[in-house]
Structures are given as structure tokens and as C-alpha cells.
Amino acid sequence: MPQEVTPHYRISGQAGVTLLELIIACAILLVLATAAMPVARYTVKRQKEAELHRELREMRDAIDRYKDAADRNLIRVEAGSEGYPPDLETLVKGVDLASQGGGGIAGATTPGQPIVPSTGFGGFGGGFGGGAFGQTQTQGQNSGSSQGQDLIRHVRFLRRIPVDPMTGKAEWGMRAVQDDPDSTSWGGKNVFDVFSLSTATALDGTTKYSDW
């Protein structure tokens, strides 16, 4: 009995339909990917903006805590600095806080008691000794003295200089208290405020990151 042979045109027709389906599927995937890209970029940019807000707030809080300590005469400051830090590196390296008999520093030891490790200045609980930075505290002058002794505490106000999420660098614009409010050139005397060096426009369409 002769074997049935499948016509050539039928095989070609089936292959053509399969190729067409593949082209249609690829086109659909391309359209979906193109539509998803703006949404993904928007999400990433929004996350960077939230991070920028957080980093600016952290540095400004550190500057305020340094200024508060200087106003309480716990930090030796240079004339003309108005009690503000000379640079951001000082906030990271830390300074020595000194006070007679504790000077109202929460967590400081009283005369006659052993000196214990202290924590950061300010911090989440406010005041001294409520922070999360591990610091050292030493007793100045004579350990056997009473009310007249100095308590020395080395305190860091920042863990590190954060990276600007908009520029990818740990570099920030700074203003001294003597500078104009909208100045983009740092006078170099002290750090009163910080801002992003990015001049890109925010998602709100009106403000620039350097104005935040």
C-alpha cells in the first residue's frame, strides 16, 4: 500500500504561522517593556529624592547639635565661626566636650564614680548621651578631686559624610553663616548649611535639588 506524502505547501503554511506568532509575541513584549521603563525611572528617581531628603536632614541635625554644644561652651570655637563647625570632616572626626562636674550632660559620671564609655552627642533621644555613636569618655585633671573635676567626652556628630544620591559623590555645597542665603560659593569660615551640587530639576517640575 503506497505511503501518504504530506504536501509541501502544508508544511510551509504551519511554519509561517509559528513565525508570525513569534513576531507578534516579541512586539507585545517590546511595547510592555517600553511602557514600563518610564515608571521604573520614576520610581528610582523618587527613591533617590527620599534619600537626598534624609541625608540633608542628617547633616543639618549634626550641624545644629554642634552649634548647641558650642553655645553651651562645651566646644572651643574660633572667632568668627559663630559656633558652627569649620567643615563637615570635623563632624565626622569629632571633638572633645568638657564640662565641670558633668555640666548637666545626661549620662556623664559624677565625681568619685568610674568613667564609663559614653555615646553620641544628641541622638534619637535628644540631649547628650542618647545617640547611637560609640564614643569614649575620659576624666580630666585629678581623678580624686570632687566637684571641680572636668569630664571629657570625645563625640562624633556624623558617622560619615554621606554620598549625594544625585551626583554619586560624597561632595556637598556648603554655606557659611556670613554667606548670602542663595550663595553657591562657600566662604570657608564655617558650615552653616549644606545643599546638593546637582542642578537637576526634581520630580515636582519646579524646584532644583540644589535648592532643597
C-alpha atoms as a PDB file:
ATOM      1  CA  MET A   1       0.000   0.000   0.000  1.00  0.00           C
ATOM      2  CA  PRO A   2       1.593   3.326  -1.009  1.00  0.00           C
ATOM      3  CA  GLN A   3       2.675   5.690   1.858  1.00  0.00           C
ATOM      4  CA  GLU A   4       0.830   9.010   2.043  1.00  0.00           C
ATOM      5  CA  VAL A   5       3.045  12.010   1.453  1.00  0.00           C
ATOM      6  CA  THR A   6       2.263  15.355   3.206  1.00  0.00           C
ATOM      7  CA  PRO A   7       2.064  18.140   0.673  1.00  0.00           C
ATOM      8  CA  HIS A   8       4.928  20.637   0.817  1.00  0.00           C
ATOM      9  CA  TYR A   9       2.611  23.623   0.900  1.00  0.00           C
ATOM     10  CA  ARG A  10       1.029  22.390   4.176  1.00  0.00           C
ATOM     11  CA  ILE A  11       4.384  22.219   5.997  1.00  0.00           C
ATOM     12  CA  SER A  12       5.308  25.708   4.807  1.00  0.00           C
ATOM     13  CA  GLY A  13       1.970  27.081   5.981  1.00  0.00           C
ATOM     14  CA  GLN A  14       2.414  25.704   9.519  1.00  0.00           C
ATOM     15  CA  ALA A  15       5.950  27.121   9.788  1.00  0.00           C
ATOM     16  CA  GLY A  16       4.750  30.521   8.604  1.00  0.00           C
ATOM     17  CA  VAL A  17       2.070  30.733  11.270  1.00  0.00           C
ATOM     18  CA  THR A  18       4.577  29.836  14.003  1.00  0.00           C
ATOM     19  CA  LEU A  19       6.977  32.564  12.870  1.00  0.00           C
ATOM     20  CA  LEU A  20       4.164  35.110  12.782  1.00  0.00           C
ATOM     21  CA  GLU A  21       3.126  34.241  16.317  1.00  0.00           C
ATOM     22  CA  LEU A  22       6.729  34.691  17.493  1.00  0.00           C
ATOM     23  CA  ILE A  23       6.942  38.122  15.870  1.00  0.00           C
ATOM     24  CA  ILE A  24       3.666  39.199  17.488  1.00  0.00           C
ATOM     25  CA  ALA A  25       4.802  37.979  20.933  1.00  0.00           C
ATOM     26  CA  CYS A  26       8.099  39.872  20.632  1.00  0.00           C
ATOM     27  CA  ALA A  27       6.258  43.019  19.588  1.00  0.00           C
ATOM     28  CA  ILE A  28       3.955  42.790  22.605  1.00  0.00           C
ATOM     29  CA  LEU A  29       6.895  42.310  24.974  1.00  0.00           C
ATOM     30  CA  LEU A  30       8.663  45.300  23.421  1.00  0.00           C
ATOM     31  CA  VAL A  31       5.620  47.521  23.917  1.00  0.00           C
ATOM     32  CA  LEU A  32       5.250  46.414  27.542  1.00  0.00           C
ATOM     33  CA  ALA A  33       8.931  46.985  28.257  1.00  0.00           C
ATOM     34  CA  THR A  34       8.816  50.439  26.658  1.00  0.00           C
ATOM     35  CA  ALA A  35       5.795  51.377  28.764  1.00  0.00           C
ATOM     36  CA  ALA A  36       7.415  50.085  31.976  1.00  0.00           C
ATOM     37  CA  MET A  37      10.699  51.982  31.558  1.00  0.00           C
ATOM     38  CA  PRO A  38       9.341  55.455  32.456  1.00  0.00           C
ATOM     39  CA  VAL A  39       7.623  54.005  35.520  1.00  0.00           C
ATOM     40  CA  ALA A  40      10.851  52.327  36.627  1.00  0.00           C
ATOM     41  CA  ARG A  41      12.837  55.543  36.114  1.00  0.00           C
ATOM     42  CA  TYR A  42      10.233  57.498  38.077  1.00  0.00           C
ATOM     43  CA  THR A  43      10.411  55.008  40.957  1.00  0.00           C
ATOM     44  CA  VAL A  44      14.218  55.110  41.083  1.00  0.00           C
ATOM     45  CA  LYS A  45      14.264  58.907  40.991  1.00  0.00           C
ATOM     46  CA  ARG A  46      11.666  59.108  43.721  1.00  0.00           C
ATOM     47  CA  GLN A  47      13.755  56.812  45.929  1.00  0.00           C
ATOM     48  CA  LYS A  48      16.814  58.993  45.326  1.00  0.00           C
ATOM     49  CA  GLU A  49      14.853  62.096  46.292  1.00  0.00           C
ATOM     50  CA  ALA A  50      13.771  60.471  49.554  1.00  0.00           C
ATOM     51  CA  GLU A  51      17.393  59.532  50.234  1.00  0.00           C
ATOM     52  CA  LEU A  52      18.526  63.093  49.493  1.00  0.00           C
ATOM     53  CA  HIS A  53      15.999  64.467  51.974  1.00  0.00           C
ATOM     54  CA  ARG A  54      17.273  62.015  54.584  1.00  0.00           C
ATOM     55  CA  GLU A  55      20.958  62.825  54.043  1.00  0.00           C
ATOM     56  CA  LEU A  56      20.371  66.580  54.151  1.00  0.00           C
ATOM     57  CA  ARG A  57      18.341  66.256  57.342  1.00  0.00           C
ATOM     58  CA  GLU A  58      21.057  64.130  58.970  1.00  0.00           C
ATOM     59  CA  MET A  59      23.822  66.637  58.186  1.00  0.00           C
ATOM     60  CA  ARG A  60      21.743  69.642  59.232  1.00  0.00           C
ATOM     61  CA  ASP A  61      20.837  67.946  62.503  1.00  0.00           C
ATOM     62  CA  ALA A  62      24.553  67.287  63.124  1.00  0.00           C
ATOM     63  CA  ILE A  63      25.354  70.948  62.476  1.00  0.00           C
ATOM     64  CA  ASP A  64      22.608  72.006  64.902  1.00  0.00           C
ATOM     65  CA  ARG A  65      23.911  69.658  67.619  1.00  0.00           C
ATOM     66  CA  TYR A  66      27.440  71.021  67.170  1.00  0.00           C
ATOM     67  CA  LYS A  67      26.113  74.578  67.379  1.00  0.00           C
ATOM     68  CA  ASP A  68      24.140  73.710  70.530  1.00  0.00           C
ATOM     69  CA  ALA A  69      27.274  72.325  72.214  1.00  0.00           C
ATOM     70  CA  ALA A  70      29.248  75.402  71.199  1.00  0.00           C
ATOM     71  CA  ASP A  71      26.578  77.711  72.601  1.00  0.00           C
ATOM     72  CA  ARG A  72      26.836  75.822  75.901  1.00  0.00           C
ATOM     73  CA  ASN A  73      30.594  76.477  75.922  1.00  0.00           C
ATOM     74  CA  LEU A  74      31.364  72.770  75.653  1.00  0.00           C
ATOM     75  CA  ILE A  75      33.429  73.230  72.475  1.00  0.00           C
ATOM     76  CA  ARG A  76      36.251  75.632  71.849  1.00  0.00           C
ATOM     77  CA  VAL A  77      35.370  77.617  68.747  1.00  0.00           C
ATOM     78  CA  GLU A  78      37.343  80.084  66.651  1.00  0.00           C
ATOM     79  CA  ALA A  79      36.425  83.741  66.468  1.00  0.00           C
ATOM     80  CA  GLY A  80      34.090  84.446  63.580  1.00  0.00           C
ATOM     81  CA  SER A  81      32.760  80.895  63.377  1.00  0.00           C
ATOM     82  CA  GLU A  82      29.629  81.825  65.349  1.00  0.00           C
ATOM     83  CA  GLY A  83      29.810  78.373  66.944  1.00  0.00           C
ATOM     84  CA  TYR A  84      29.296  76.452  63.703  1.00  0.00           C
ATOM     85  CA  PRO A  85      31.662  73.627  62.628  1.00  0.00           C
ATOM     86  CA  PRO A  86      34.620  74.628  60.451  1.00  0.00           C
ATOM     87  CA  ASP A  87      33.877  71.826  57.959  1.00  0.00           C
ATOM     88  CA  LEU A  88      31.968  68.575  57.580  1.00  0.00           C
ATOM     89  CA  GLU A  89      35.051  66.492  58.390  1.00  0.00           C
ATOM     90  CA  THR A  90      35.026  67.914  61.924  1.00  0.00           C
ATOM     91  CA  LEU A  91      31.560  66.466  62.460  1.00  0.00           C
ATOM     92  CA  VAL A  92      32.878  63.032  61.461  1.00  0.00           C
ATOM     93  CA  LYS A  93      36.205  63.154  63.328  1.00  0.00           C
ATOM     94  CA  GLY A  94      34.526  64.539  66.439  1.00  0.00           C
ATOM     95  CA  VAL A  95      35.511  66.986  69.147  1.00  0.00           C
ATOM     96  CA  ASP A  96      36.165  66.907  72.875  1.00  0.00           C
ATOM     97  CA  LEU A  97      33.330  68.144  75.073  1.00  0.00           C
ATOM     98  CA  ALA A  98      34.353  69.312  78.525  1.00  0.00           C
ATOM     99  CA  SER A  99      32.249  70.361  81.478  1.00  0.00           C
ATOM    100  CA  GLN A 100      32.858  70.897  85.183  1.00  0.00           C
ATOM    101  CA  GLY A 101      31.240  68.085  87.118  1.00  0.00           C
ATOM    102  CA  GLY A 102      29.295  66.960  84.075  1.00  0.00           C
ATOM    103  CA  GLY A 103      27.714  70.332  83.369  1.00  0.00           C
ATOM    104  CA  GLY A 104      24.279  68.822  83.047  1.00  0.00           C
ATOM    105  CA  ILE A 105      25.396  66.279  80.470  1.00  0.00           C
ATOM    106  CA  ALA A 106      22.948  63.416  80.654  1.00  0.00           C
ATOM    107  CA  GLY A 107      24.794  60.182  81.277  1.00  0.00           C
ATOM    108  CA  ALA A 108      28.012  61.804  82.498  1.00  0.00           C
ATOM    109  CA  THR A 109      29.527  60.275  85.589  1.00  0.00           C
ATOM    110  CA  THR A 110      29.523  62.067  88.899  1.00  0.00           C
ATOM    111  CA  PRO A 111      32.719  62.732  90.911  1.00  0.00           C
ATOM    112  CA  GLY A 112      34.098  59.642  92.579  1.00  0.00           C
ATOM    113  CA  GLN A 113      32.455  57.204  90.167  1.00  0.00           C
ATOM    114  CA  PRO A 114      34.323  55.340  87.419  1.00  0.00           C
ATOM    115  CA  ILE A 115      34.321  56.787  83.941  1.00  0.00           C
ATOM    116  CA  VAL A 116      32.229  54.710  81.562  1.00  0.00           C
ATOM    117  CA  PRO A 117      32.022  54.699  77.751  1.00  0.00           C
ATOM    118  CA  SER A 118      29.713  57.406  76.509  1.00  0.00           C
ATOM    119  CA  THR A 119      27.504  57.592  73.470  1.00  0.00           C
ATOM    120  CA  GLY A 120      26.985  60.180  70.809  1.00  0.00           C
ATOM    121  CA  PHE A 121      26.021  63.784  71.272  1.00  0.00           C
ATOM    122  CA  GLY A 122      22.308  64.399  70.755  1.00  0.00           C
ATOM    123  CA  GLY A 123      20.964  61.312  69.088  1.00  0.00           C
ATOM    124  CA  PHE A 124      17.464  59.994  68.830  1.00  0.00           C
ATOM    125  CA  GLY A 125      16.537  60.700  72.421  1.00  0.00           C
ATOM    126  CA  GLY A 126      17.750  64.308  72.370  1.00  0.00           C
ATOM    127  CA  GLY A 127      20.340  65.901  74.639  1.00  0.00           C
ATOM    128  CA  PHE A 128      23.656  64.265  75.434  1.00  0.00           C
ATOM    129  CA  GLY A 129      24.257  60.563  75.691  1.00  0.00           C
ATOM    130  CA  GLY A 130      21.212  59.459  73.743  1.00  0.00           C
ATOM    131  CA  GLY A 131      22.866  58.807  70.425  1.00  0.00           C
ATOM    132  CA  ALA A 132      23.995  55.649  68.715  1.00  0.00           C
ATOM    133  CA  PHE A 133      27.644  56.557  68.111  1.00  0.00           C
ATOM    134  CA  GLY A 134      30.148  54.694  70.244  1.00  0.00           C
ATOM    135  CA  GLN A 135      32.408  57.243  71.913  1.00  0.00           C
ATOM    136  CA  THR A 136      34.958  57.456  74.705  1.00  0.00           C
ATOM    137  CA  GLN A 137      34.804  59.481  77.862  1.00  0.00           C
ATOM    138  CA  THR A 138      37.844  60.286  79.999  1.00  0.00           C
ATOM    139  CA  GLN A 139      38.266  62.067  83.265  1.00  0.00           C
ATOM    140  CA  GLY A 140      40.439  65.180  83.152  1.00  0.00           C
ATOM    141  CA  GLN A 141      42.758  66.579  85.795  1.00  0.00           C
ATOM    142  CA  ASN A 142      42.735  64.743  89.140  1.00  0.00           C
ATOM    143  CA  SER A 143      40.529  61.670  89.426  1.00  0.00           C
ATOM    144  CA  GLY A 144      40.431  62.101  93.170  1.00  0.00           C
ATOM    145  CA  SER A 145      39.026  65.629  93.027  1.00  0.00           C
ATOM    146  CA  SER A 146      35.376  66.281  93.719  1.00  0.00           C
ATOM    147  CA  GLN A 147      33.139  68.941  92.244  1.00  0.00           C
ATOM    148  CA  GLY A 148      35.896  70.782  90.366  1.00  0.00           C
ATOM    149  CA  GLN A 149      36.891  67.973  88.026  1.00  0.00           C
ATOM    150  CA  ASP A 150      36.467  68.086  84.254  1.00  0.00           C
ATOM    151  CA  LEU A 151      34.669  65.374  82.379  1.00  0.00           C
ATOM    152  CA  ILE A 152      35.999  64.996  78.834  1.00  0.00           C
ATOM    153  CA  ARG A 153      33.965  63.246  76.205  1.00  0.00           C
ATOM    154  CA  HIS A 154      35.001  62.799  72.587  1.00  0.00           C
ATOM    155  CA  VAL A 155      31.906  62.990  70.465  1.00  0.00           C
ATOM    156  CA  ARG A 156      31.248  62.460  66.789  1.00  0.00           C
ATOM    157  CA  PHE A 157      28.240  64.148  65.239  1.00  0.00           C
ATOM    158  CA  LEU A 158      28.220  62.195  61.952  1.00  0.00           C
ATOM    159  CA  ARG A 159      29.116  58.585  61.217  1.00  0.00           C
ATOM    160  CA  ARG A 160      30.357  59.598  57.773  1.00  0.00           C
ATOM    161  CA  ILE A 161      29.892  62.221  55.108  1.00  0.00           C
ATOM    162  CA  PRO A 162      27.012  60.742  53.116  1.00  0.00           C
ATOM    163  CA  VAL A 163      27.035  60.280  49.359  1.00  0.00           C
ATOM    164  CA  ASP A 164      24.799  62.604  47.399  1.00  0.00           C
ATOM    165  CA  PRO A 165      22.404  60.214  45.613  1.00  0.00           C
ATOM    166  CA  MET A 166      22.010  62.690  42.762  1.00  0.00           C
ATOM    167  CA  THR A 167      25.715  63.050  41.981  1.00  0.00           C
ATOM    168  CA  GLY A 168      27.043  59.765  43.368  1.00  0.00           C
ATOM    169  CA  LYS A 169      29.802  61.612  45.248  1.00  0.00           C
ATOM    170  CA  ALA A 170      30.348  62.453  48.919  1.00  0.00           C
ATOM    171  CA  GLU A 171      30.643  66.117  47.981  1.00  0.00           C
ATOM    172  CA  TRP A 172      28.201  68.822  49.056  1.00  0.00           C
ATOM    173  CA  GLY A 173      27.740  72.517  48.589  1.00  0.00           C
ATOM    174  CA  MET A 174      28.217  74.486  51.803  1.00  0.00           C
ATOM    175  CA  ARG A 175      27.311  77.933  53.073  1.00  0.00           C
ATOM    176  CA  ALA A 176      28.882  79.867  55.911  1.00  0.00           C
ATOM    177  CA  VAL A 177      26.740  81.908  58.249  1.00  0.00           C
ATOM    178  CA  GLN A 178      28.283  85.032  56.658  1.00  0.00           C
ATOM    179  CA  ASP A 179      27.288  83.943  53.107  1.00  0.00           C
ATOM    180  CA  ASP A 180      24.164  85.087  51.318  1.00  0.00           C
ATOM    181  CA  PRO A 181      21.206  82.678  51.665  1.00  0.00           C
ATOM    182  CA  ASP A 182      21.301  81.849  47.940  1.00  0.00           C
ATOM    183  CA  SER A 183      25.097  81.803  47.624  1.00  0.00           C
ATOM    184  CA  THR A 184      26.637  78.850  45.796  1.00  0.00           C
ATOM    185  CA  SER A 185      30.196  79.777  46.796  1.00  0.00           C
ATOM    186  CA  TRP A 186      31.319  78.764  50.270  1.00  0.00           C
ATOM    187  CA  GLY A 187      33.058  81.474  52.277  1.00  0.00           C
ATOM    188  CA  GLY A 188      35.120  78.837  54.089  1.00  0.00           C
ATOM    189  CA  LYS A 189      34.760  80.224  57.611  1.00  0.00           C
ATOM    190  CA  ASN A 190      32.214  77.727  58.913  1.00  0.00           C
ATOM    191  CA  VAL A 191      29.427  75.402  57.796  1.00  0.00           C
ATOM    192  CA  PHE A 192      26.007  76.914  58.425  1.00  0.00           C
ATOM    193  CA  ASP A 193      24.111  74.864  55.810  1.00  0.00           C
ATOM    194  CA  VAL A 194      24.632  72.205  53.142  1.00  0.00           C
ATOM    195  CA  PHE A 195      22.984  71.563  49.793  1.00  0.00           C
ATOM    196  CA  SER A 196      23.217  69.206  46.826  1.00  0.00           C
ATOM    197  CA  LEU A 197      25.570  70.086  43.989  1.00  0.00           C
ATOM    198  CA  SER A 198      23.080  68.671  41.482  1.00  0.00           C
ATOM    199  CA  THR A 199      21.287  71.297  39.392  1.00  0.00           C
ATOM    200  CA  ALA A 200      18.759  68.802  38.022  1.00  0.00           C
ATOM    201  CA  THR A 201      15.056  69.517  38.410  1.00  0.00           C
ATOM    202  CA  ALA A 202      13.067  67.493  40.928  1.00  0.00           C
ATOM    203  CA  LEU A 203      10.020  65.411  40.099  1.00  0.00           C
ATOM    204  CA  ASP A 204       7.765  68.298  41.127  1.00  0.00           C
ATOM    205  CA  GLY A 205       8.969  70.045  37.976  1.00  0.00           C
ATOM    206  CA  THR A 206       9.653  73.369  39.690  1.00  0.00           C
ATOM    207  CA  THR A 207      12.489  73.052  42.208  1.00  0.00           C
ATOM    208  CA  LYS A 208      16.112  72.057  41.761  1.00  0.00           C
ATOM    209  CA  TYR A 209      17.882  69.674  44.084  1.00  0.00           C
ATOM    210  CA  SER A 210      20.428  72.363  44.898  1.00  0.00           C
ATOM    211  CA  ASP A 211      17.587  74.435  46.400  1.00  0.00           C
ATOM    212  CA  TRP A 212      16.444  71.764  48.843  1.00  0.00           C
END
